[in-house]
Amino acid sequence: MYRQRHKRCGFRAAKGFSLLELLLALAVLIAVSAVAVPPLMDRLQAGRVQDAAESVREVLGNARRYAIDGGVDYHFRYELNGPSFVAIPAEPEPTLANSYSGDESDMRVVVEAGELDENLFLRAANDGDAGGESLEALAFNDLPNAGELAGKTWSKPILFRFDGTAEDRVFRVVDEIGRTAEITVRGLTGAIRVSQVFELEEQ
């Protein structure tokens, strides 16, 4: 009689994970996430504040350049406790009185505006520098949102002169929980510096 033989393999089929093993793995993942995620989120938010401050620095630098190139003084202003900022001529209709060349064709009057992302705000570092002025729509020249900008409350102007100098000033970009980047303008050189983000202490 012929008998069929089954050859047994030397290994067993792989077993699936047990419920206990899956729960242990999940618990480890949750523990690692609880430790790693908050610092990562904090870093991302600090980076957001830093990027915003750098975008403000760029417009400050542009205000200085517009003043030098156009031969007219420029103001940089920011919305007090708000997100908006502008670089505008010191006079709504600049004259040639403070132009080097005295030639109207050499004058380039540029107006620039920017706005921070949601939940980011501009604040004075010192109460004495805050201001709190409203401006006529004419100050914003031909910007499409000039009427809206005129309705805001603005800081004291930071003056950039056509000779490259400026006014000493310090102000801040702050988020909703107090992460802060400080922006410093040096009067003698017109240099602009942005600090690393730090946590603003409650006063």
C-alpha atoms as a PDB file:
ATOM      1  CA  MET A   1       0.000   0.000   0.000  1.00  0.00           C
ATOM      2  CA  TYR A   2       1.321   3.406  -0.987  1.00  0.00           C
ATOM      3  CA  ARG A   3       1.358   5.959   1.781  1.00  0.00           C
ATOM      4  CA  GLN A   4       1.772   9.615   1.159  1.00  0.00           C
ATOM      5  CA  ARG A   5       4.137  11.318   3.547  1.00  0.00           C
ATOM      6  CA  HIS A   6       3.998  14.941   4.489  1.00  0.00           C
ATOM      7  CA  LYS A   7       7.318  16.561   5.059  1.00  0.00           C
ATOM      8  CA  ARG A   8       7.148  18.902   8.043  1.00  0.00           C
ATOM      9  CA  CYS A   9       8.851  22.227   7.648  1.00  0.00           C
ATOM     10  CA  GLY A  10      11.371  23.269  10.233  1.00  0.00           C
ATOM     11  CA  PHE A  11       9.636  26.563  11.065  1.00  0.00           C
ATOM     12  CA  ARG A  12       6.257  27.709  12.269  1.00  0.00           C
ATOM     13  CA  ALA A  13       4.096  30.303  10.600  1.00  0.00           C
ATOM     14  CA  ALA A  14       4.693  33.736  12.091  1.00  0.00           C
ATOM     15  CA  LYS A  15       2.253  34.659  14.800  1.00  0.00           C
ATOM     16  CA  GLY A  16       0.522  38.077  14.937  1.00  0.00           C
ATOM     17  CA  PHE A  17       1.075  40.513  17.794  1.00  0.00           C
ATOM     18  CA  SER A  18      -0.963  39.912  20.885  1.00  0.00           C
ATOM     19  CA  LEU A  19      -3.275  42.594  22.231  1.00  0.00           C
ATOM     20  CA  LEU A  20      -0.956  43.082  25.188  1.00  0.00           C
ATOM     21  CA  GLU A  21       2.055  43.683  22.917  1.00  0.00           C
ATOM     22  CA  LEU A  22       0.090  46.226  20.865  1.00  0.00           C
ATOM     23  CA  LEU A  23      -1.029  48.056  24.003  1.00  0.00           C
ATOM     24  CA  LEU A  24       2.551  48.175  25.305  1.00  0.00           C
ATOM     25  CA  ALA A  25       3.830  49.570  21.986  1.00  0.00           C
ATOM     26  CA  LEU A  26       1.068  52.177  21.987  1.00  0.00           C
ATOM     27  CA  ALA A  27       1.897  53.187  25.557  1.00  0.00           C
ATOM     28  CA  VAL A  28       5.574  53.665  24.612  1.00  0.00           C
ATOM     29  CA  LEU A  29       4.591  55.808  21.597  1.00  0.00           C
ATOM     30  CA  ILE A  30       2.325  57.984  23.739  1.00  0.00           C
ATOM     31  CA  ALA A  31       5.059  58.442  26.357  1.00  0.00           C
ATOM     32  CA  VAL A  32       7.650  59.426  23.727  1.00  0.00           C
ATOM     33  CA  SER A  33       5.193  61.829  22.080  1.00  0.00           C
ATOM     34  CA  ALA A  34       4.363  63.460  25.418  1.00  0.00           C
ATOM     35  CA  VAL A  35       8.061  64.183  25.937  1.00  0.00           C
ATOM     36  CA  ALA A  36       9.040  65.142  22.364  1.00  0.00           C
ATOM     37  CA  VAL A  37       6.038  67.007  20.924  1.00  0.00           C
ATOM     38  CA  PRO A  38       5.788  70.061  23.286  1.00  0.00           C
ATOM     39  CA  PRO A  39       9.424  71.177  22.741  1.00  0.00           C
ATOM     40  CA  LEU A  40       9.014  70.635  19.003  1.00  0.00           C
ATOM     41  CA  MET A  41       5.825  72.722  18.898  1.00  0.00           C
ATOM     42  CA  ASP A  42       7.498  75.419  21.007  1.00  0.00           C
ATOM     43  CA  ARG A  43      10.392  75.510  18.576  1.00  0.00           C
ATOM     44  CA  LEU A  44       8.023  75.849  15.611  1.00  0.00           C
ATOM     45  CA  GLN A  45       6.148  78.701  17.286  1.00  0.00           C
ATOM     46  CA  ALA A  46       9.408  80.468  18.203  1.00  0.00           C
ATOM     47  CA  GLY A  47      10.493  80.116  14.572  1.00  0.00           C
ATOM     48  CA  ARG A  48       7.233  81.737  13.502  1.00  0.00           C
ATOM     49  CA  VAL A  49       7.941  84.763  15.736  1.00  0.00           C
ATOM     50  CA  GLN A  50      11.541  84.957  14.468  1.00  0.00           C
ATOM     51  CA  ASP A  51      10.422  84.840  10.810  1.00  0.00           C
ATOM     52  CA  ALA A  52       7.877  87.589  11.461  1.00  0.00           C
ATOM     53  CA  ALA A  53      10.527  89.806  13.064  1.00  0.00           C
ATOM     54  CA  GLU A  54      12.811  89.236  10.075  1.00  0.00           C
ATOM     55  CA  SER A  55      10.035  90.319   7.690  1.00  0.00           C
ATOM     56  CA  VAL A  56       9.626  93.519   9.736  1.00  0.00           C
ATOM     57  CA  ARG A  57      13.389  94.074   9.632  1.00  0.00           C
ATOM     58  CA  GLU A  58      13.276  93.792   5.842  1.00  0.00           C
ATOM     59  CA  VAL A  59      10.742  96.631   5.570  1.00  0.00           C
ATOM     60  CA  LEU A  60      12.742  98.723   8.059  1.00  0.00           C
ATOM     61  CA  GLY A  61      15.791  98.224   5.832  1.00  0.00           C
ATOM     62  CA  ASN A  62      13.719  99.166   2.799  1.00  0.00           C
ATOM     63  CA  ALA A  63      12.600 102.395   4.516  1.00  0.00           C
ATOM     64  CA  ARG A  64      16.249 103.338   5.025  1.00  0.00           C
ATOM     65  CA  ARG A  65      17.066 102.481   1.411  1.00  0.00           C
ATOM     66  CA  TYR A  66      14.071 104.437   0.070  1.00  0.00           C
ATOM     67  CA  ALA A  67      15.217 107.474   2.091  1.00  0.00           C
ATOM     68  CA  ILE A  68      18.762 107.294   0.730  1.00  0.00           C
ATOM     69  CA  ASP A  69      17.761 106.510  -2.864  1.00  0.00           C
ATOM     70  CA  GLY A  70      14.943 109.058  -3.027  1.00  0.00           C
ATOM     71  CA  GLY A  71      16.656 111.823  -1.046  1.00  0.00           C
ATOM     72  CA  VAL A  72      13.651 112.212   1.274  1.00  0.00           C
ATOM     73  CA  ASP A  73      13.157 111.245   4.914  1.00  0.00           C
ATOM     74  CA  TYR A  74      11.061 108.152   5.629  1.00  0.00           C
ATOM     75  CA  HIS A  75       8.975 106.975   8.532  1.00  0.00           C
ATOM     76  CA  PHE A  76       8.513 103.399   9.645  1.00  0.00           C
ATOM     77  CA  ARG A  77       5.408 102.929  11.766  1.00  0.00           C
ATOM     78  CA  TYR A  78       3.692  99.921  13.273  1.00  0.00           C
ATOM     79  CA  GLU A  79       0.143  99.415  14.475  1.00  0.00           C
ATOM     80  CA  LEU A  80       0.150  99.488  18.281  1.00  0.00           C
ATOM     81  CA  ASN A  81      -0.713  95.995  19.555  1.00  0.00           C
ATOM     82  CA  GLY A  82      -1.656  95.037  16.024  1.00  0.00           C
ATOM     83  CA  PRO A  83      -0.158  93.257  13.027  1.00  0.00           C
ATOM     84  CA  SER A  84       0.337  96.075  10.476  1.00  0.00           C
ATOM     85  CA  PHE A  85       3.472  98.060   9.629  1.00  0.00           C
ATOM     86  CA  VAL A  86       4.367 100.594   6.939  1.00  0.00           C
ATOM     87  CA  ALA A  87       7.273 102.484   5.393  1.00  0.00           C
ATOM     88  CA  ILE A  88       6.051 105.874   4.189  1.00  0.00           C
ATOM     89  CA  PRO A  89       7.603 109.271   3.322  1.00  0.00           C
ATOM     90  CA  ALA A  90       7.899 111.587   6.334  1.00  0.00           C
ATOM     91  CA  GLU A  91       5.767 114.070   4.413  1.00  0.00           C
ATOM     92  CA  PRO A  92       2.749 112.881   2.397  1.00  0.00           C
ATOM     93  CA  GLU A  93       3.884 114.983  -0.577  1.00  0.00           C
ATOM     94  CA  PRO A  94       7.679 115.214  -0.238  1.00  0.00           C
ATOM     95  CA  THR A  95       9.331 118.400  -1.433  1.00  0.00           C
ATOM     96  CA  LEU A  96      12.866 118.776  -2.743  1.00  0.00           C
ATOM     97  CA  ALA A  97      13.954 120.664   0.377  1.00  0.00           C
ATOM     98  CA  ASN A  98      15.754 117.630   1.766  1.00  0.00           C
ATOM     99  CA  SER A  99      16.899 116.145  -1.544  1.00  0.00           C
ATOM    100  CA  TYR A 100      20.621 116.054  -2.317  1.00  0.00           C
ATOM    101  CA  SER A 101      20.316 116.703  -6.010  1.00  0.00           C
ATOM    102  CA  GLY A 102      17.396 119.147  -6.067  1.00  0.00           C
ATOM    103  CA  ASP A 103      16.160 117.342  -9.185  1.00  0.00           C
ATOM    104  CA  GLU A 104      12.577 116.087  -9.054  1.00  0.00           C
ATOM    105  CA  SER A 105      13.335 113.315 -11.549  1.00  0.00           C
ATOM    106  CA  ASP A 106      15.794 111.819  -9.020  1.00  0.00           C
ATOM    107  CA  MET A 107      13.112 111.432  -6.371  1.00  0.00           C
ATOM    108  CA  ARG A 108      11.491 108.027  -6.018  1.00  0.00           C
ATOM    109  CA  VAL A 109       8.620 107.990  -3.550  1.00  0.00           C
ATOM    110  CA  VAL A 110       7.749 104.437  -2.549  1.00  0.00           C
ATOM    111  CA  VAL A 111       5.213 103.311   0.040  1.00  0.00           C
ATOM    112  CA  GLU A 112       5.334  99.800   1.484  1.00  0.00           C
ATOM    113  CA  ALA A 113       3.019  97.992   3.891  1.00  0.00           C
ATOM    114  CA  GLY A 114       3.101  94.583   5.554  1.00  0.00           C
ATOM    115  CA  GLU A 115       1.125  92.526   8.025  1.00  0.00           C
ATOM    116  CA  LEU A 116       2.088  89.827  10.502  1.00  0.00           C
ATOM    117  CA  ASP A 117       0.437  86.419  10.611  1.00  0.00           C
ATOM    118  CA  GLU A 118      -2.519  85.716  12.879  1.00  0.00           C
ATOM    119  CA  ASN A 119      -1.890  85.993  16.651  1.00  0.00           C
ATOM    120  CA  LEU A 120       1.317  88.019  16.205  1.00  0.00           C
ATOM    121  CA  PHE A 121       1.470  91.622  17.391  1.00  0.00           C
ATOM    122  CA  LEU A 122       3.796  94.642  17.348  1.00  0.00           C
ATOM    123  CA  ARG A 123       4.446  96.404  20.648  1.00  0.00           C
ATOM    124  CA  ALA A 124       6.679  99.182  21.945  1.00  0.00           C
ATOM    125  CA  ALA A 125       9.468  98.072  24.270  1.00  0.00           C
ATOM    126  CA  ASN A 126       9.136 101.352  26.214  1.00  0.00           C
ATOM    127  CA  ASP A 127       5.837 103.093  26.940  1.00  0.00           C
ATOM    128  CA  GLY A 128       7.386 106.427  26.007  1.00  0.00           C
ATOM    129  CA  ASP A 129       7.959 105.198  22.434  1.00  0.00           C
ATOM    130  CA  ALA A 130       4.429 103.898  21.934  1.00  0.00           C
ATOM    131  CA  GLY A 131       2.654 106.917  20.504  1.00  0.00           C
ATOM    132  CA  GLY A 132      -0.945 106.277  19.512  1.00  0.00           C
ATOM    133  CA  GLU A 133      -1.574 108.423  16.451  1.00  0.00           C
ATOM    134  CA  SER A 134      -4.036 108.144  13.599  1.00  0.00           C
ATOM    135  CA  LEU A 135      -2.974 109.083  10.077  1.00  0.00           C
ATOM    136  CA  GLU A 136      -4.815 110.435   7.063  1.00  0.00           C
ATOM    137  CA  ALA A 137      -5.320 108.116   4.099  1.00  0.00           C
ATOM    138  CA  LEU A 138      -3.092 110.503   2.111  1.00  0.00           C
ATOM    139  CA  ALA A 139      -0.099 109.322   4.180  1.00  0.00           C
ATOM    140  CA  PHE A 140      -0.392 105.880   2.591  1.00  0.00           C
ATOM    141  CA  ASN A 141      -0.261 107.304  -0.915  1.00  0.00           C
ATOM    142  CA  ASP A 142      -1.830 104.976  -3.477  1.00  0.00           C
ATOM    143  CA  LEU A 143      -1.909 101.781  -1.421  1.00  0.00           C
ATOM    144  CA  PRO A 144      -5.155  99.927  -2.184  1.00  0.00           C
ATOM    145  CA  ASN A 145      -5.999  99.588   1.531  1.00  0.00           C
ATOM    146  CA  ALA A 146      -5.107 103.195   2.456  1.00  0.00           C
ATOM    147  CA  GLY A 147      -8.564 103.804   3.961  1.00  0.00           C
ATOM    148  CA  GLU A 148      -8.277 100.742   6.204  1.00  0.00           C
ATOM    149  CA  LEU A 149      -4.763 101.734   7.309  1.00  0.00           C
ATOM    150  CA  ALA A 150      -5.966 105.237   8.163  1.00  0.00           C
ATOM    151  CA  GLY A 151      -8.383 103.709  10.683  1.00  0.00           C
ATOM    152  CA  LYS A 152      -5.581 102.080  12.738  1.00  0.00           C
ATOM    153  CA  THR A 153      -3.651 103.408  15.762  1.00  0.00           C
ATOM    154  CA  TRP A 154       0.021 103.900  14.916  1.00  0.00           C
ATOM    155  CA  SER A 155       3.243 104.061  16.875  1.00  0.00           C
ATOM    156  CA  LYS A 156       5.486 107.092  16.962  1.00  0.00           C
ATOM    157  CA  PRO A 157       7.439 107.180  13.694  1.00  0.00           C
ATOM    158  CA  ILE A 158      10.915 105.733  13.462  1.00  0.00           C
ATOM    159  CA  LEU A 159      12.696 108.271  11.274  1.00  0.00           C
ATOM    160  CA  PHE A 160      15.137 107.197   8.556  1.00  0.00           C
ATOM    161  CA  ARG A 161      16.959 110.237   7.180  1.00  0.00           C
ATOM    162  CA  PHE A 162      18.166 110.555   3.607  1.00  0.00           C
ATOM    163  CA  ASP A 163      21.771 110.687   4.904  1.00  0.00           C
ATOM    164  CA  GLY A 164      21.495 107.070   6.154  1.00  0.00           C
ATOM    165  CA  THR A 165      21.037 107.834   9.862  1.00  0.00           C
ATOM    166  CA  ALA A 166      17.930 106.988  11.881  1.00  0.00           C
ATOM    167  CA  GLU A 167      16.437 107.267  15.368  1.00  0.00           C
ATOM    168  CA  ASP A 168      17.301 104.911  18.225  1.00  0.00           C
ATOM    169  CA  ARG A 169      14.290 102.714  18.857  1.00  0.00           C
ATOM    170  CA  VAL A 170      13.371  99.306  20.249  1.00  0.00           C
ATOM    171  CA  PHE A 171      10.105  97.478  19.657  1.00  0.00           C
ATOM    172  CA  ARG A 172       8.877  93.897  19.658  1.00  0.00           C
ATOM    173  CA  VAL A 173       7.079  91.176  17.772  1.00  0.00           C
ATOM    174  CA  VAL A 174       5.076  89.169  20.334  1.00  0.00           C
ATOM    175  CA  ASP A 175       2.788  86.143  20.065  1.00  0.00           C
ATOM    176  CA  GLU A 176      -0.285  85.387  22.168  1.00  0.00           C
ATOM    177  CA  ILE A 177       1.630  83.628  24.954  1.00  0.00           C
ATOM    178  CA  GLY A 178       4.556  86.060  25.196  1.00  0.00           C
ATOM    179  CA  ARG A 179       7.215  84.648  22.864  1.00  0.00           C
ATOM    180  CA  THR A 180       9.096  87.775  21.808  1.00  0.00           C
ATOM    181  CA  ALA A 181      11.675  88.947  19.285  1.00  0.00           C
ATOM    182  CA  GLU A 182      13.097  92.418  19.912  1.00  0.00           C
ATOM    183  CA  ILE A 183      13.948  94.717  17.004  1.00  0.00           C
ATOM    184  CA  THR A 184      16.549  97.431  17.613  1.00  0.00           C
ATOM    185  CA  VAL A 185      17.264 100.387  15.326  1.00  0.00           C
ATOM    186  CA  ARG A 186      20.593 102.180  15.879  1.00  0.00           C
ATOM    187  CA  GLY A 187      20.353 105.884  15.150  1.00  0.00           C
ATOM    188  CA  LEU A 188      23.920 106.715  14.138  1.00  0.00           C
ATOM    189  CA  THR A 189      24.284 103.950  11.556  1.00  0.00           C
ATOM    190  CA  GLY A 190      20.672 103.059  10.757  1.00  0.00           C
ATOM    191  CA  ALA A 191      21.565  99.419  11.489  1.00  0.00           C
ATOM    192  CA  ILE A 192      18.700  97.075  12.409  1.00  0.00           C
ATOM    193  CA  ARG A 193      19.115  94.044  14.664  1.00  0.00           C
ATOM    194  CA  VAL A 194      16.673  91.259  15.573  1.00  0.00           C
ATOM    195  CA  SER A 195      17.166  89.340  18.826  1.00  0.00           C
ATOM    196  CA  GLN A 196      16.656  85.635  19.344  1.00  0.00           C
ATOM    197  CA  VAL A 197      13.164  84.745  20.561  1.00  0.00           C
ATOM    198  CA  PHE A 198      12.722  84.861  24.323  1.00  0.00           C
ATOM    199  CA  GLU A 199       9.823  84.495  26.739  1.00  0.00           C
ATOM    200  CA  LEU A 200       8.514  87.863  27.896  1.00  0.00           C
ATOM    201  CA  GLU A 201       8.075  87.885  31.672  1.00  0.00           C
ATOM    202  CA  GLU A 202       4.782  89.057  33.151  1.00  0.00           C
ATOM    203  CA  GLN A 203       5.056  92.595  34.465  1.00  0.00           C
END
